[in-house]
Amino acid sequence: MALHEHIEDTLDWVAALCGMEVRPRAPRALRAAVRALGHERLAVRLKAEACLRADRRHAIPLLRRAARLQAPAVRAVRAAVLLHQLEDRDGIELLRRMTREPGLRCGEARDLLRRASREIIGPEFYIRQATAALTRLEQMPESLAAIGRFRQALEILRFLEAPVPLDILRRALVVRTIGGENLSLVRTVLDGTHDICLEHVSMARMAAVEALLHQEDRQRAYTLLSRQLAHPSTAVQITAMYGLERLGDTRAIGPLLPIARDPDSPLCDDARRLLTLLNYGTPDVLTLLRPSMLATVLPKELLRPAAHAPDNTPETLVRPVE
């Protein structure tokens, strides 16, 4: 880069000598200072920042260009931060643009980008963005723009390691289209086998599950997900099953039993598969006591044995000790 600029400066000098019009360039020292923003040594970076602050008029266009290029990523982030410190309105917008890039969020500048975004933009901005997108999604569940904005906001909040308000997650878990959804399509989304270009409302619910699983309070995650098993929409129910499978909480066995035992439920096989996964390797003390579903006895009186029997005849059940 330095050699390239040296050649350009030489050509400009020759052109001026020949009487040709020369496009004005920023001083070479400022261009070198912008490059130095990506240096590993703090002393070098501080010297470069001082140089750029001293000539704000020429420095701002160079910093904007460095931030827009986004490469090298570390230099781009520091250029955007310095623009903000110089009270240039493009600084925060360029930083938001970089935060939206998945490649930058997982690249070498991720820690620097996270700190800068938390301090300058703040998680509240993305919480407001998620809330606005969710409100739009509740009104128009098929809005591709609203689905994309909501998912992006939750991804950025997770990148910033900021908690998402439970009210937003609760609303997002039950958002759905009017008239029902194609369960086969919902399953492909939850399995991750859908088309990469697909945008479907089930992806917003899935994003809410992912955010919920990253909350510190696992009890709240279980409570919120298990309650959705009783939701009238099968699309919401299967999304809750996806979350409970990821959570791996054996307490979900009880709420799953009514669905698994209903042969008319389109989620019967899904519930049975999840029960098998949750029961696998679980100690008998956790799986032994399960209420029976016999209509002729009180459900709390008889208990199902640990091994899943093919029927619920009294011979396969045990009574609790008084």
C-alpha atoms as a PDB file:
ATOM      1  CA  MET A   1       0.000   0.000   0.000  1.00  0.00           C
ATOM      2  CA  ALA A   2       2.815   2.438   0.866  1.00  0.00           C
ATOM      3  CA  LEU A   3       4.593   1.674  -2.431  1.00  0.00           C
ATOM      4  CA  HIS A   4       1.328   2.186  -4.318  1.00  0.00           C
ATOM      5  CA  GLU A   5       0.812   5.585  -2.708  1.00  0.00           C
ATOM      6  CA  HIS A   6       4.436   6.547  -3.375  1.00  0.00           C
ATOM      7  CA  ILE A   7       3.946   5.767  -7.061  1.00  0.00           C
ATOM      8  CA  GLU A   8       0.723   7.811  -7.140  1.00  0.00           C
ATOM      9  CA  ASP A   9       2.457  10.768  -5.494  1.00  0.00           C
ATOM     10  CA  THR A  10       5.286  10.555  -8.031  1.00  0.00           C
ATOM     11  CA  LEU A  11       2.830  10.477 -10.932  1.00  0.00           C
ATOM     12  CA  ASP A  12       1.005  13.492  -9.480  1.00  0.00           C
ATOM     13  CA  TRP A  13       4.307  15.361  -9.227  1.00  0.00           C
ATOM     14  CA  VAL A  14       5.166  14.570 -12.843  1.00  0.00           C
ATOM     15  CA  ALA A  15       1.689  15.603 -13.994  1.00  0.00           C
ATOM     16  CA  ALA A  16       1.920  18.917 -12.152  1.00  0.00           C
ATOM     17  CA  LEU A  17       5.353  19.487 -13.645  1.00  0.00           C
ATOM     18  CA  CYS A  18       3.846  19.034 -17.111  1.00  0.00           C
ATOM     19  CA  GLY A  19       1.079  21.527 -16.362  1.00  0.00           C
ATOM     20  CA  MET A  20      -1.686  18.937 -16.045  1.00  0.00           C
ATOM     21  CA  GLU A  21      -4.504  19.205 -13.525  1.00  0.00           C
ATOM     22  CA  VAL A  22      -3.833  17.050 -10.454  1.00  0.00           C
ATOM     23  CA  ARG A  23      -6.538  15.750  -8.129  1.00  0.00           C
ATOM     24  CA  PRO A  24      -5.741  16.855  -4.563  1.00  0.00           C
ATOM     25  CA  ARG A  25      -4.697  14.054  -2.220  1.00  0.00           C
ATOM     26  CA  ALA A  26      -4.485  13.849   1.511  1.00  0.00           C
ATOM     27  CA  PRO A  27      -0.978  14.229   2.907  1.00  0.00           C
ATOM     28  CA  ARG A  28       1.044  11.038   2.874  1.00  0.00           C
ATOM     29  CA  ALA A  29       1.540  11.244   6.642  1.00  0.00           C
ATOM     30  CA  LEU A  30      -2.220  11.035   7.204  1.00  0.00           C
ATOM     31  CA  ARG A  31      -2.556   8.060   4.878  1.00  0.00           C
ATOM     32  CA  ALA A  32       0.200   6.327   6.788  1.00  0.00           C
ATOM     33  CA  ALA A  33      -1.553   7.176  10.051  1.00  0.00           C
ATOM     34  CA  VAL A  34      -4.760   5.485   8.864  1.00  0.00           C
ATOM     35  CA  ARG A  35      -2.796   2.351   8.001  1.00  0.00           C
ATOM     36  CA  ALA A  36      -1.169   2.461  11.435  1.00  0.00           C
ATOM     37  CA  LEU A  37      -4.578   2.150  13.116  1.00  0.00           C
ATOM     38  CA  GLY A  38      -4.316  -1.571  12.499  1.00  0.00           C
ATOM     39  CA  HIS A  39      -0.898  -1.870  14.144  1.00  0.00           C
ATOM     40  CA  GLU A  40      -0.481  -4.234  17.088  1.00  0.00           C
ATOM     41  CA  ARG A  41       1.534  -1.791  19.200  1.00  0.00           C
ATOM     42  CA  LEU A  42      -0.487   0.674  21.263  1.00  0.00           C
ATOM     43  CA  ALA A  43       2.163   3.403  21.054  1.00  0.00           C
ATOM     44  CA  VAL A  44       2.040   3.330  17.246  1.00  0.00           C
ATOM     45  CA  ARG A  45      -1.743   3.543  17.232  1.00  0.00           C
ATOM     46  CA  LEU A  46      -1.811   6.439  19.711  1.00  0.00           C
ATOM     47  CA  LYS A  47       0.670   8.381  17.597  1.00  0.00           C
ATOM     48  CA  ALA A  48      -1.427   7.719  14.484  1.00  0.00           C
ATOM     49  CA  GLU A  49      -4.627   8.849  16.211  1.00  0.00           C
ATOM     50  CA  ALA A  50      -2.960  12.050  17.390  1.00  0.00           C
ATOM     51  CA  CYS A  51      -1.846  12.765  13.832  1.00  0.00           C
ATOM     52  CA  LEU A  52      -5.373  12.207  12.484  1.00  0.00           C
ATOM     53  CA  ARG A  53      -7.011  14.302  15.200  1.00  0.00           C
ATOM     54  CA  ALA A  54      -4.664  17.179  14.403  1.00  0.00           C
ATOM     55  CA  ASP A  55      -5.936  17.384  10.802  1.00  0.00           C
ATOM     56  CA  ARG A  56      -9.616  16.500  11.122  1.00  0.00           C
ATOM     57  CA  ARG A  57     -10.634  17.944   7.736  1.00  0.00           C
ATOM     58  CA  HIS A  58      -8.300  15.689   5.764  1.00  0.00           C
ATOM     59  CA  ALA A  59      -8.534  12.723   8.134  1.00  0.00           C
ATOM     60  CA  ILE A  60     -12.302  12.180   8.023  1.00  0.00           C
ATOM     61  CA  PRO A  61     -12.516  11.197   4.310  1.00  0.00           C
ATOM     62  CA  LEU A  62      -9.626   8.760   4.800  1.00  0.00           C
ATOM     63  CA  LEU A  63     -11.254   7.225   7.875  1.00  0.00           C
ATOM     64  CA  ARG A  64     -14.589   6.842   6.086  1.00  0.00           C
ATOM     65  CA  ARG A  65     -12.892   5.019   3.247  1.00  0.00           C
ATOM     66  CA  ALA A  66     -11.025   2.695   5.623  1.00  0.00           C
ATOM     67  CA  ALA A  67     -14.233   1.864   7.526  1.00  0.00           C
ATOM     68  CA  ARG A  68     -16.238   1.216   4.361  1.00  0.00           C
ATOM     69  CA  LEU A  69     -13.612  -1.143   2.960  1.00  0.00           C
ATOM     70  CA  GLN A  70     -13.930  -3.307   6.131  1.00  0.00           C
ATOM     71  CA  ALA A  71     -10.486  -4.740   5.435  1.00  0.00           C
ATOM     72  CA  PRO A  72      -8.327  -5.140   7.323  1.00  0.00           C
ATOM     73  CA  ALA A  73     -11.179  -5.559   9.793  1.00  0.00           C
ATOM     74  CA  VAL A  74      -9.305  -4.296  12.864  1.00  0.00           C
ATOM     75  CA  ARG A  75      -8.297  -1.101  11.096  1.00  0.00           C
ATOM     76  CA  ALA A  76     -11.857  -0.616   9.802  1.00  0.00           C
ATOM     77  CA  VAL A  77     -13.385  -0.878  13.275  1.00  0.00           C
ATOM     78  CA  ARG A  78     -10.848   1.517  14.772  1.00  0.00           C
ATOM     79  CA  ALA A  79     -11.419   3.941  11.914  1.00  0.00           C
ATOM     80  CA  ALA A  80     -15.182   3.933  12.595  1.00  0.00           C
ATOM     81  CA  VAL A  81     -14.589   4.441  16.324  1.00  0.00           C
ATOM     82  CA  LEU A  82     -12.256   7.366  15.641  1.00  0.00           C
ATOM     83  CA  LEU A  83     -14.821   8.886  13.278  1.00  0.00           C
ATOM     84  CA  HIS A  84     -17.364   8.743  16.097  1.00  0.00           C
ATOM     85  CA  GLN A  85     -14.891  10.351  18.495  1.00  0.00           C
ATOM     86  CA  LEU A  86     -14.319  13.106  15.941  1.00  0.00           C
ATOM     87  CA  GLU A  87     -18.100  13.680  16.042  1.00  0.00           C
ATOM     88  CA  ASP A  88     -18.629  12.594  12.471  1.00  0.00           C
ATOM     89  CA  ARG A  89     -22.152  11.265  11.937  1.00  0.00           C
ATOM     90  CA  ASP A  90     -20.945   8.484   9.630  1.00  0.00           C
ATOM     91  CA  GLY A  91     -18.946   6.849  12.430  1.00  0.00           C
ATOM     92  CA  ILE A  92     -21.841   5.188  14.258  1.00  0.00           C
ATOM     93  CA  GLU A  93     -23.599   4.220  11.016  1.00  0.00           C
ATOM     94  CA  LEU A  94     -20.465   2.557   9.641  1.00  0.00           C
ATOM     95  CA  LEU A  95     -20.069   0.714  12.929  1.00  0.00           C
ATOM     96  CA  ARG A  96     -23.671  -0.518  12.713  1.00  0.00           C
ATOM     97  CA  ARG A  97     -23.028  -1.681   9.174  1.00  0.00           C
ATOM     98  CA  MET A  98     -20.011  -3.696  10.307  1.00  0.00           C
ATOM     99  CA  THR A  99     -21.941  -5.194  13.228  1.00  0.00           C
ATOM    100  CA  ARG A 100     -24.518  -6.487  10.747  1.00  0.00           C
ATOM    101  CA  GLU A 101     -21.848  -8.440   8.852  1.00  0.00           C
ATOM    102  CA  PRO A 102     -21.704 -12.091  10.037  1.00  0.00           C
ATOM    103  CA  GLY A 103     -18.152 -12.440   8.733  1.00  0.00           C
ATOM    104  CA  LEU A 104     -16.915  -9.564  10.883  1.00  0.00           C
ATOM    105  CA  ARG A 105     -18.782 -10.847  13.945  1.00  0.00           C
ATOM    106  CA  CYS A 106     -16.788 -14.077  13.819  1.00  0.00           C
ATOM    107  CA  GLY A 107     -13.534 -12.737  12.365  1.00  0.00           C
ATOM    108  CA  GLU A 108     -10.320 -11.523  13.910  1.00  0.00           C
ATOM    109  CA  ALA A 109     -11.855  -8.196  14.947  1.00  0.00           C
ATOM    110  CA  ARG A 110     -14.868  -9.727  16.737  1.00  0.00           C
ATOM    111  CA  ASP A 111     -13.776  -8.757  20.279  1.00  0.00           C
ATOM    112  CA  LEU A 112     -12.917  -5.212  19.229  1.00  0.00           C
ATOM    113  CA  LEU A 113     -16.181  -4.920  17.295  1.00  0.00           C
ATOM    114  CA  ARG A 114     -18.166  -6.256  20.268  1.00  0.00           C
ATOM    115  CA  ARG A 115     -16.658  -3.706  22.684  1.00  0.00           C
ATOM    116  CA  ALA A 116     -17.128  -0.828  20.265  1.00  0.00           C
ATOM    117  CA  SER A 117     -20.735  -1.791  19.494  1.00  0.00           C
ATOM    118  CA  ARG A 118     -21.643  -2.178  23.157  1.00  0.00           C
ATOM    119  CA  GLU A 119     -20.140   1.178  24.118  1.00  0.00           C
ATOM    120  CA  ILE A 120     -21.144   3.287  21.109  1.00  0.00           C
ATOM    121  CA  ILE A 121     -24.338   1.710  19.748  1.00  0.00           C
ATOM    122  CA  GLY A 122     -25.555  -0.151  22.824  1.00  0.00           C
ATOM    123  CA  PRO A 123     -27.754  -3.267  23.108  1.00  0.00           C
ATOM    124  CA  GLU A 124     -30.852  -1.088  23.599  1.00  0.00           C
ATOM    125  CA  PHE A 125     -30.734  -0.096  19.923  1.00  0.00           C
ATOM    126  CA  TYR A 126     -31.048  -3.722  18.824  1.00  0.00           C
ATOM    127  CA  ILE A 127     -33.703  -4.490  21.451  1.00  0.00           C
ATOM    128  CA  ARG A 128     -35.798  -1.667  19.973  1.00  0.00           C
ATOM    129  CA  GLN A 129     -35.096  -3.041  16.500  1.00  0.00           C
ATOM    130  CA  ALA A 130     -36.212  -6.535  17.548  1.00  0.00           C
ATOM    131  CA  THR A 131     -39.367  -5.167  19.180  1.00  0.00           C
ATOM    132  CA  ALA A 132     -40.325  -3.134  16.111  1.00  0.00           C
ATOM    133  CA  ALA A 133     -39.697  -6.081  13.775  1.00  0.00           C
ATOM    134  CA  LEU A 134     -41.707  -8.430  16.002  1.00  0.00           C
ATOM    135  CA  THR A 135     -44.647  -6.018  16.132  1.00  0.00           C
ATOM    136  CA  ARG A 136     -44.567  -5.852  12.346  1.00  0.00           C
ATOM    137  CA  LEU A 137     -44.338  -9.642  12.172  1.00  0.00           C
ATOM    138  CA  GLU A 138     -47.387 -10.076  14.402  1.00  0.00           C
ATOM    139  CA  GLN A 139     -49.330  -7.874  12.001  1.00  0.00           C
ATOM    140  CA  MET A 140     -47.872  -9.403   8.823  1.00  0.00           C
ATOM    141  CA  PRO A 141     -46.432 -12.880   9.576  1.00  0.00           C
ATOM    142  CA  GLU A 142     -45.351 -13.336   5.964  1.00  0.00           C
ATOM    143  CA  SER A 143     -43.264 -10.152   5.831  1.00  0.00           C
ATOM    144  CA  LEU A 144     -39.825 -11.309   4.733  1.00  0.00           C
ATOM    145  CA  ALA A 145     -38.258  -7.994   5.753  1.00  0.00           C
ATOM    146  CA  ALA A 146     -39.663  -8.242   9.292  1.00  0.00           C
ATOM    147  CA  ILE A 147     -38.474 -11.850   9.656  1.00  0.00           C
ATOM    148  CA  GLY A 148     -34.978 -10.898   8.500  1.00  0.00           C
ATOM    149  CA  ARG A 149     -34.738  -7.835  10.765  1.00  0.00           C
ATOM    150  CA  PHE A 150     -35.939  -9.760  13.806  1.00  0.00           C
ATOM    151  CA  ARG A 151     -33.499 -12.617  13.274  1.00  0.00           C
ATOM    152  CA  GLN A 152     -30.627 -10.208  12.656  1.00  0.00           C
ATOM    153  CA  ALA A 153     -31.390  -8.207  15.807  1.00  0.00           C
ATOM    154  CA  LEU A 154     -31.385 -11.355  17.967  1.00  0.00           C
ATOM    155  CA  GLU A 155     -28.147 -12.586  16.380  1.00  0.00           C
ATOM    156  CA  ILE A 156     -26.457  -9.258  17.115  1.00  0.00           C
ATOM    157  CA  LEU A 157     -27.740  -9.230  20.707  1.00  0.00           C
ATOM    158  CA  ARG A 158     -26.254 -12.679  21.178  1.00  0.00           C
ATOM    159  CA  PHE A 159     -22.992 -11.438  19.648  1.00  0.00           C
ATOM    160  CA  LEU A 160     -23.014  -8.523  22.094  1.00  0.00           C
ATOM    161  CA  GLU A 161     -23.675 -11.016  24.916  1.00  0.00           C
ATOM    162  CA  ALA A 162     -26.703  -8.958  25.919  1.00  0.00           C
ATOM    163  CA  PRO A 163     -29.858 -10.565  27.361  1.00  0.00           C
ATOM    164  CA  VAL A 164     -33.068 -10.381  25.363  1.00  0.00           C
ATOM    165  CA  PRO A 165     -36.166  -9.337  27.349  1.00  0.00           C
ATOM    166  CA  LEU A 166     -38.330 -12.385  28.047  1.00  0.00           C
ATOM    167  CA  ASP A 167     -41.439 -10.555  26.868  1.00  0.00           C
ATOM    168  CA  ILE A 168     -39.960 -10.361  23.369  1.00  0.00           C
ATOM    169  CA  LEU A 169     -39.079 -14.062  23.383  1.00  0.00           C
ATOM    170  CA  ARG A 170     -42.509 -15.015  24.724  1.00  0.00           C
ATOM    171  CA  ARG A 171     -44.229 -13.116  21.928  1.00  0.00           C
ATOM    172  CA  ALA A 172     -41.863 -14.451  19.276  1.00  0.00           C
ATOM    173  CA  LEU A 173     -42.409 -18.089  20.283  1.00  0.00           C
ATOM    174  CA  VAL A 174     -46.103 -17.909  19.389  1.00  0.00           C
ATOM    175  CA  VAL A 175     -46.005 -15.714  16.273  1.00  0.00           C
ATOM    176  CA  ARG A 176     -47.542 -17.619  13.387  1.00  0.00           C
ATOM    177  CA  THR A 177     -49.413 -17.267  10.129  1.00  0.00           C
ATOM    178  CA  ILE A 178     -53.182 -17.255  10.018  1.00  0.00           C
ATOM    179  CA  GLY A 179     -54.654 -20.544   8.864  1.00  0.00           C
ATOM    180  CA  GLY A 180     -51.785 -22.782   9.971  1.00  0.00           C
ATOM    181  CA  GLU A 181     -48.419 -23.723   8.535  1.00  0.00           C
ATOM    182  CA  ASN A 182     -46.959 -26.592   6.582  1.00  0.00           C
ATOM    183  CA  LEU A 183     -45.426 -28.834   9.261  1.00  0.00           C
ATOM    184  CA  SER A 184     -43.063 -30.436   6.764  1.00  0.00           C
ATOM    185  CA  LEU A 185     -41.613 -27.014   5.986  1.00  0.00           C
ATOM    186  CA  VAL A 186     -41.346 -26.172   9.694  1.00  0.00           C
ATOM    187  CA  ARG A 187     -39.489 -29.445  10.298  1.00  0.00           C
ATOM    188  CA  THR A 188     -36.974 -28.675   7.529  1.00  0.00           C
ATOM    189  CA  VAL A 189     -36.318 -25.277   9.128  1.00  0.00           C
ATOM    190  CA  LEU A 190     -35.779 -26.793  12.573  1.00  0.00           C
ATOM    191  CA  ASP A 191     -33.563 -29.535  11.106  1.00  0.00           C
ATOM    192  CA  GLY A 192     -31.503 -26.983   9.195  1.00  0.00           C
ATOM    193  CA  THR A 193     -32.191 -28.696   5.856  1.00  0.00           C
ATOM    194  CA  HIS A 194     -34.177 -25.842   4.314  1.00  0.00           C
ATOM    195  CA  ASP A 195     -33.163 -23.805   1.301  1.00  0.00           C
ATOM    196  CA  ILE A 196     -30.596 -21.152   2.179  1.00  0.00           C
ATOM    197  CA  CYS A 197     -32.756 -18.453   0.562  1.00  0.00           C
ATOM    198  CA  LEU A 198     -35.865 -19.347   2.562  1.00  0.00           C
ATOM    199  CA  GLU A 199     -37.409 -16.781   4.916  1.00  0.00           C
ATOM    200  CA  HIS A 200     -40.296 -18.219   6.922  1.00  0.00           C
ATOM    201  CA  VAL A 201     -42.027 -17.181  10.133  1.00  0.00           C
ATOM    202  CA  SER A 202     -40.843 -20.416  11.781  1.00  0.00           C
ATOM    203  CA  MET A 203     -37.304 -19.047  11.484  1.00  0.00           C
ATOM    204  CA  ALA A 204     -38.295 -16.138  13.738  1.00  0.00           C
ATOM    205  CA  ARG A 205     -39.591 -18.601  16.341  1.00  0.00           C
ATOM    206  CA  MET A 206     -36.392 -20.624  15.982  1.00  0.00           C
ATOM    207  CA  ALA A 207     -34.316 -17.470  16.537  1.00  0.00           C
ATOM    208  CA  ALA A 208     -36.306 -16.842  19.724  1.00  0.00           C
ATOM    209  CA  VAL A 209     -35.515 -20.377  20.919  1.00  0.00           C
ATOM    210  CA  GLU A 210     -31.802 -19.858  20.239  1.00  0.00           C
ATOM    211  CA  ALA A 211     -31.854 -16.604  22.199  1.00  0.00           C
ATOM    212  CA  LEU A 212     -33.756 -18.267  25.019  1.00  0.00           C
ATOM    213  CA  LEU A 213     -31.235 -21.103  25.265  1.00  0.00           C
ATOM    214  CA  HIS A 214     -28.446 -18.544  25.670  1.00  0.00           C
ATOM    215  CA  GLN A 215     -30.144 -16.953  28.690  1.00  0.00           C
ATOM    216  CA  GLU A 216     -28.405 -17.582  32.007  1.00  0.00           C
ATOM    217  CA  ASP A 217     -31.645 -18.658  33.707  1.00  0.00           C
ATOM    218  CA  ARG A 218     -32.284 -22.201  32.420  1.00  0.00           C
ATOM    219  CA  GLN A 219     -35.387 -22.485  34.615  1.00  0.00           C
ATOM    220  CA  ARG A 220     -37.069 -19.648  32.751  1.00  0.00           C
ATOM    221  CA  ALA A 221     -36.131 -21.240  29.454  1.00  0.00           C
ATOM    222  CA  TYR A 222     -37.726 -24.538  30.472  1.00  0.00           C
ATOM    223  CA  THR A 223     -40.863 -22.875  31.836  1.00  0.00           C
ATOM    224  CA  LEU A 224     -41.413 -20.771  28.739  1.00  0.00           C
ATOM    225  CA  LEU A 225     -40.816 -23.673  26.328  1.00  0.00           C
ATOM    226  CA  SER A 226     -42.803 -26.297  28.203  1.00  0.00           C
ATOM    227  CA  ARG A 227     -45.853 -24.030  28.362  1.00  0.00           C
ATOM    228  CA  GLN A 228     -45.940 -23.852  24.570  1.00  0.00           C
ATOM    229  CA  LEU A 229     -46.568 -27.622  24.382  1.00  0.00           C
ATOM    230  CA  ALA A 230     -50.187 -26.817  25.244  1.00  0.00           C
ATOM    231  CA  HIS A 231     -50.469 -24.150  22.529  1.00  0.00           C
ATOM    232  CA  PRO A 232     -53.247 -24.755  19.974  1.00  0.00           C
ATOM    233  CA  SER A 233     -50.828 -24.368  17.040  1.00  0.00           C
ATOM    234  CA  THR A 234     -48.846 -27.485  16.137  1.00  0.00           C
ATOM    235  CA  ALA A 235     -46.183 -25.256  14.548  1.00  0.00           C
ATOM    236  CA  VAL A 236     -45.627 -23.587  17.920  1.00  0.00           C
ATOM    237  CA  GLN A 237     -45.648 -26.958  19.690  1.00  0.00           C
ATOM    238  CA  ILE A 238     -42.993 -28.500  17.463  1.00  0.00           C
ATOM    239  CA  THR A 239     -40.824 -25.403  17.887  1.00  0.00           C
ATOM    240  CA  ALA A 240     -41.123 -25.833  21.659  1.00  0.00           C
ATOM    241  CA  MET A 241     -40.072 -29.473  21.251  1.00  0.00           C
ATOM    242  CA  TYR A 242     -37.020 -28.326  19.325  1.00  0.00           C
ATOM    243  CA  GLY A 243     -36.093 -26.009  22.194  1.00  0.00           C
ATOM    244  CA  LEU A 244     -36.713 -28.651  24.859  1.00  0.00           C
ATOM    245  CA  GLU A 245     -34.541 -31.127  22.960  1.00  0.00           C
ATOM    246  CA  ARG A 246     -31.747 -28.571  22.865  1.00  0.00           C
ATOM    247  CA  LEU A 247     -32.292 -27.830  26.542  1.00  0.00           C
ATOM    248  CA  GLY A 248     -32.199 -31.519  27.460  1.00  0.00           C
ATOM    249  CA  ASP A 249     -34.328 -31.082  30.592  1.00  0.00           C
ATOM    250  CA  THR A 250     -35.926 -34.392  31.635  1.00  0.00           C
ATOM    251  CA  ARG A 251     -38.799 -32.511  33.284  1.00  0.00           C
ATOM    252  CA  ALA A 252     -40.238 -32.155  29.787  1.00  0.00           C
ATOM    253  CA  ILE A 253     -41.133 -35.874  29.783  1.00  0.00           C
ATOM    254  CA  GLY A 254     -44.373 -35.237  31.690  1.00  0.00           C
ATOM    255  CA  PRO A 255     -45.745 -32.435  29.447  1.00  0.00           C
ATOM    256  CA  LEU A 256     -44.788 -34.439  26.343  1.00  0.00           C
ATOM    257  CA  LEU A 257     -46.744 -37.574  27.314  1.00  0.00           C
ATOM    258  CA  PRO A 258     -50.231 -36.298  26.308  1.00  0.00           C
ATOM    259  CA  ILE A 259     -48.966 -35.510  22.798  1.00  0.00           C
ATOM    260  CA  ALA A 260     -47.081 -38.803  22.503  1.00  0.00           C
ATOM    261  CA  ARG A 261     -50.165 -40.774  23.571  1.00  0.00           C
ATOM    262  CA  ASP A 262     -52.536 -39.037  21.168  1.00  0.00           C
ATOM    263  CA  PRO A 263     -52.541 -41.082  17.929  1.00  0.00           C
ATOM    264  CA  ASP A 264     -54.507 -38.340  16.184  1.00  0.00           C
ATOM    265  CA  SER A 265     -51.866 -35.681  16.883  1.00  0.00           C
ATOM    266  CA  PRO A 266     -49.633 -34.875  13.885  1.00  0.00           C
ATOM    267  CA  LEU A 267     -46.817 -34.488  16.424  1.00  0.00           C
ATOM    268  CA  CYS A 268     -47.275 -37.895  18.035  1.00  0.00           C
ATOM    269  CA  ASP A 269     -44.149 -39.368  16.419  1.00  0.00           C
ATOM    270  CA  ASP A 270     -42.131 -36.206  17.143  1.00  0.00           C
ATOM    271  CA  ALA A 271     -43.083 -36.351  20.816  1.00  0.00           C
ATOM    272  CA  ARG A 272     -42.257 -40.053  21.064  1.00  0.00           C
ATOM    273  CA  ARG A 273     -38.860 -39.517  19.475  1.00  0.00           C
ATOM    274  CA  LEU A 274     -38.107 -36.713  21.924  1.00  0.00           C
ATOM    275  CA  LEU A 275     -39.240 -38.851  24.860  1.00  0.00           C
ATOM    276  CA  THR A 276     -36.808 -41.543  23.766  1.00  0.00           C
ATOM    277  CA  LEU A 277     -33.986 -39.004  23.634  1.00  0.00           C
ATOM    278  CA  LEU A 278     -34.807 -37.525  27.035  1.00  0.00           C
ATOM    279  CA  ASN A 279     -35.166 -40.964  28.652  1.00  0.00           C
ATOM    280  CA  TYR A 280     -31.900 -42.267  27.227  1.00  0.00           C
ATOM    281  CA  GLY A 281     -29.379 -42.755  30.018  1.00  0.00           C
ATOM    282  CA  THR A 282     -31.699 -41.186  32.591  1.00  0.00           C
ATOM    283  CA  PRO A 283     -31.537 -42.863  36.023  1.00  0.00           C
ATOM    284  CA  ASP A 284     -34.574 -44.946  36.962  1.00  0.00           C
ATOM    285  CA  VAL A 285     -35.274 -42.688  39.912  1.00  0.00           C
ATOM    286  CA  LEU A 286     -36.107 -39.915  37.419  1.00  0.00           C
ATOM    287  CA  THR A 287     -38.138 -42.014  34.985  1.00  0.00           C
ATOM    288  CA  LEU A 288     -39.987 -44.397  37.304  1.00  0.00           C
ATOM    289  CA  LEU A 289     -42.734 -42.124  38.567  1.00  0.00           C
ATOM    290  CA  ARG A 290     -44.945 -41.083  35.665  1.00  0.00           C
ATOM    291  CA  PRO A 291     -48.727 -40.589  35.999  1.00  0.00           C
ATOM    292  CA  SER A 292     -50.790 -43.197  34.181  1.00  0.00           C
ATOM    293  CA  MET A 293     -53.447 -42.122  31.693  1.00  0.00           C
ATOM    294  CA  LEU A 294     -56.035 -44.752  32.628  1.00  0.00           C
ATOM    295  CA  ALA A 295     -59.564 -43.421  32.525  1.00  0.00           C
ATOM    296  CA  THR A 296     -60.802 -45.922  35.120  1.00  0.00           C
ATOM    297  CA  VAL A 297     -58.442 -44.779  37.882  1.00  0.00           C
ATOM    298  CA  LEU A 298     -57.235 -41.516  39.259  1.00  0.00           C
ATOM    299  CA  PRO A 299     -54.087 -40.435  37.344  1.00  0.00           C
ATOM    300  CA  LYS A 300     -52.309 -39.629  40.601  1.00  0.00           C
ATOM    301  CA  GLU A 301     -53.029 -43.068  42.083  1.00  0.00           C
ATOM    302  CA  LEU A 302     -51.155 -45.317  39.642  1.00  0.00           C
ATOM    303  CA  LEU A 303     -47.661 -44.857  38.274  1.00  0.00           C
ATOM    304  CA  ARG A 304     -46.108 -46.133  35.091  1.00  0.00           C
ATOM    305  CA  PRO A 305     -43.010 -48.339  35.446  1.00  0.00           C
ATOM    306  CA  ALA A 306     -39.648 -47.154  34.198  1.00  0.00           C
ATOM    307  CA  ALA A 307     -39.739 -49.372  31.113  1.00  0.00           C
ATOM    308  CA  HIS A 308     -42.252 -48.114  28.574  1.00  0.00           C
ATOM    309  CA  ALA A 309     -44.906 -50.812  28.398  1.00  0.00           C
ATOM    310  CA  PRO A 310     -46.939 -51.167  25.196  1.00  0.00           C
ATOM    311  CA  ASP A 311     -50.147 -50.803  27.201  1.00  0.00           C
ATOM    312  CA  ASN A 312     -51.431 -49.330  30.425  1.00  0.00           C
ATOM    313  CA  THR A 313     -53.004 -52.406  32.003  1.00  0.00           C
ATOM    314  CA  PRO A 314     -52.990 -52.481  35.816  1.00  0.00           C
ATOM    315  CA  GLU A 315     -50.437 -55.292  35.794  1.00  0.00           C
ATOM    316  CA  THR A 316     -47.848 -52.940  34.297  1.00  0.00           C
ATOM    317  CA  LEU A 317     -48.391 -50.208  36.882  1.00  0.00           C
ATOM    318  CA  VAL A 318     -47.205 -49.796  40.446  1.00  0.00           C
ATOM    319  CA  ARG A 319     -48.864 -48.026  43.333  1.00  0.00           C
ATOM    320  CA  PRO A 320     -47.039 -45.283  45.252  1.00  0.00           C
ATOM    321  CA  VAL A 321     -46.030 -46.068  48.822  1.00  0.00           C
ATOM    322  CA  GLU A 322     -48.381 -44.417  51.293  1.00  0.00           C
END
